[in-house]
Amino acid sequence: MAVLNSLFKLRTRSHLITALRFSMLNNAYFPPYNADTFIP
């Protein structure tokens, strides 16, 4: 469970970074394409 949790945290952090980069590029906030796994 700990491994799964750390993987989930890594994935969430990467999604947050992707969203941040995306928003910086477009001057607006957009969730990543796989929004079902995205946690704001």
N, C-alpha and C. Protein backbone atom coordinates (compact mmCIF):
# COMPACT_ATOMS: atom_id res chain seq x y z
N MET A 1 0.83 -1.20 0.00
CA MET A 1 0.00 0.00 0.00
C MET A 1 0.87 1.26 0.00
N ALA A 2 1.99 1.20 0.68
CA ALA A 2 2.88 2.37 0.75
C ALA A 2 3.45 2.69 -0.64
N VAL A 3 3.79 1.63 -1.37
CA VAL A 3 4.32 1.82 -2.72
C VAL A 3 3.26 2.43 -3.62
N LEU A 4 2.03 1.92 -3.50
CA LEU A 4 0.92 2.44 -4.29
C LEU A 4 0.66 3.90 -3.97
N ASN A 5 0.74 4.22 -2.67
CA ASN A 5 0.49 5.59 -2.23
C ASN A 5 1.55 6.54 -2.77
N SER A 6 2.81 6.13 -2.72
CA SER A 6 3.89 6.97 -3.22
C SER A 6 3.78 7.16 -4.73
N LEU A 7 3.38 6.09 -5.44
CA LEU A 7 3.18 6.19 -6.88
C LEU A 7 2.05 7.16 -7.20
N PHE A 8 0.99 7.08 -6.39
CA PHE A 8 -0.15 7.97 -6.60
C PHE A 8 0.24 9.42 -6.35
N LYS A 9 1.05 9.63 -5.30
CA LYS A 9 1.50 10.99 -4.98
C LYS A 9 2.39 11.52 -6.10
N LEU A 10 3.26 10.67 -6.63
CA LEU A 10 4.13 11.07 -7.73
C LEU A 10 3.31 11.45 -8.95
N ARG A 11 2.29 10.64 -9.24
CA ARG A 11 1.45 10.90 -10.40
C ARG A 11 0.68 12.21 -10.21
N THR A 12 0.17 12.42 -8.99
CA THR A 12 -0.58 13.64 -8.71
C THR A 12 0.32 14.86 -8.84
N ARG A 13 1.55 14.74 -8.34
CA ARG A 13 2.48 15.87 -8.43
C ARG A 13 2.81 16.18 -9.88
N SER A 14 3.00 15.16 -10.69
CA SER A 14 3.29 15.37 -12.10
C SER A 14 2.11 16.02 -12.81
N HIS A 15 0.89 15.63 -12.40
CA HIS A 15 -0.31 16.25 -12.97
C HIS A 15 -0.39 17.72 -12.59
N LEU A 16 -0.03 18.01 -11.34
CA LEU A 16 -0.05 19.40 -10.89
C LEU A 16 0.97 20.24 -11.66
N ILE A 17 2.16 19.66 -11.87
CA ILE A 17 3.20 20.35 -12.63
C ILE A 17 2.76 20.56 -14.08
N THR A 18 2.11 19.54 -14.64
CA THR A 18 1.61 19.65 -16.01
C THR A 18 0.56 20.74 -16.11
N ALA A 19 -0.34 20.80 -15.15
CA ALA A 19 -1.39 21.81 -15.15
C ALA A 19 -0.80 23.20 -14.98
N LEU A 20 0.22 23.29 -14.13
CA LEU A 20 0.89 24.58 -13.89
C LEU A 20 1.57 25.06 -15.17
N ARG A 21 2.28 24.15 -15.81
CA ARG A 21 2.98 24.50 -17.05
C ARG A 21 1.98 24.89 -18.14
N PHE A 22 0.90 24.13 -18.20
CA PHE A 22 -0.15 24.39 -19.18
C PHE A 22 -0.76 25.77 -18.96
N SER A 23 -1.02 26.10 -17.68
CA SER A 23 -1.62 27.39 -17.36
C SER A 23 -0.64 28.52 -17.63
N MET A 24 0.63 28.28 -17.40
CA MET A 24 1.64 29.30 -17.67
C MET A 24 1.76 29.57 -19.16
N LEU A 25 1.57 28.53 -19.96
CA LEU A 25 1.66 28.69 -21.40
C LEU A 25 0.45 29.44 -21.95
N ASN A 26 -0.71 29.21 -21.37
CA ASN A 26 -1.94 29.75 -21.93
C ASN A 26 -2.52 30.91 -21.13
N ASN A 27 -1.83 31.28 -20.03
CA ASN A 27 -2.32 32.33 -19.15
C ASN A 27 -3.73 32.02 -18.63
N ALA A 28 -4.03 30.76 -18.50
CA ALA A 28 -5.32 30.31 -17.97
C ALA A 28 -5.13 28.92 -17.40
N TYR A 29 -6.07 28.49 -16.56
CA TYR A 29 -5.94 27.15 -15.97
C TYR A 29 -6.75 26.13 -16.73
N PHE A 30 -6.07 25.04 -17.13
CA PHE A 30 -6.75 23.92 -17.76
C PHE A 30 -6.24 22.63 -17.10
N PRO A 31 -7.14 21.73 -16.75
CA PRO A 31 -6.71 20.44 -16.20
C PRO A 31 -6.04 19.60 -17.29
N PRO A 32 -5.23 18.64 -16.88
CA PRO A 32 -4.62 17.73 -17.86
C PRO A 32 -5.69 16.94 -18.63
N TYR A 33 -5.28 16.30 -19.71
CA TYR A 33 -6.24 15.59 -20.55
C TYR A 33 -6.91 14.43 -19.82
N ASN A 34 -6.15 13.74 -18.95
CA ASN A 34 -6.76 12.66 -18.16
C ASN A 34 -7.27 13.25 -16.85
N ALA A 35 -8.38 13.95 -16.94
CA ALA A 35 -8.90 14.72 -15.81
C ALA A 35 -9.52 13.80 -14.75
N ASP A 36 -9.73 12.53 -15.08
CA ASP A 36 -10.34 11.62 -14.11
C ASP A 36 -9.37 11.29 -12.98
N THR A 37 -8.05 11.39 -13.24
CA THR A 37 -7.07 11.10 -12.20
C THR A 37 -6.49 12.38 -11.62
N PHE A 38 -7.01 13.53 -12.08
CA PHE A 38 -6.45 14.81 -11.63
C PHE A 38 -7.07 15.25 -10.31
N ILE A 39 -6.21 15.63 -9.36
CA ILE A 39 -6.68 16.12 -8.06
C ILE A 39 -6.15 17.54 -7.88
N PRO A 40 -7.02 18.54 -7.91
CA PRO A 40 -6.58 19.92 -7.77
C PRO A 40 -6.07 20.24 -6.37
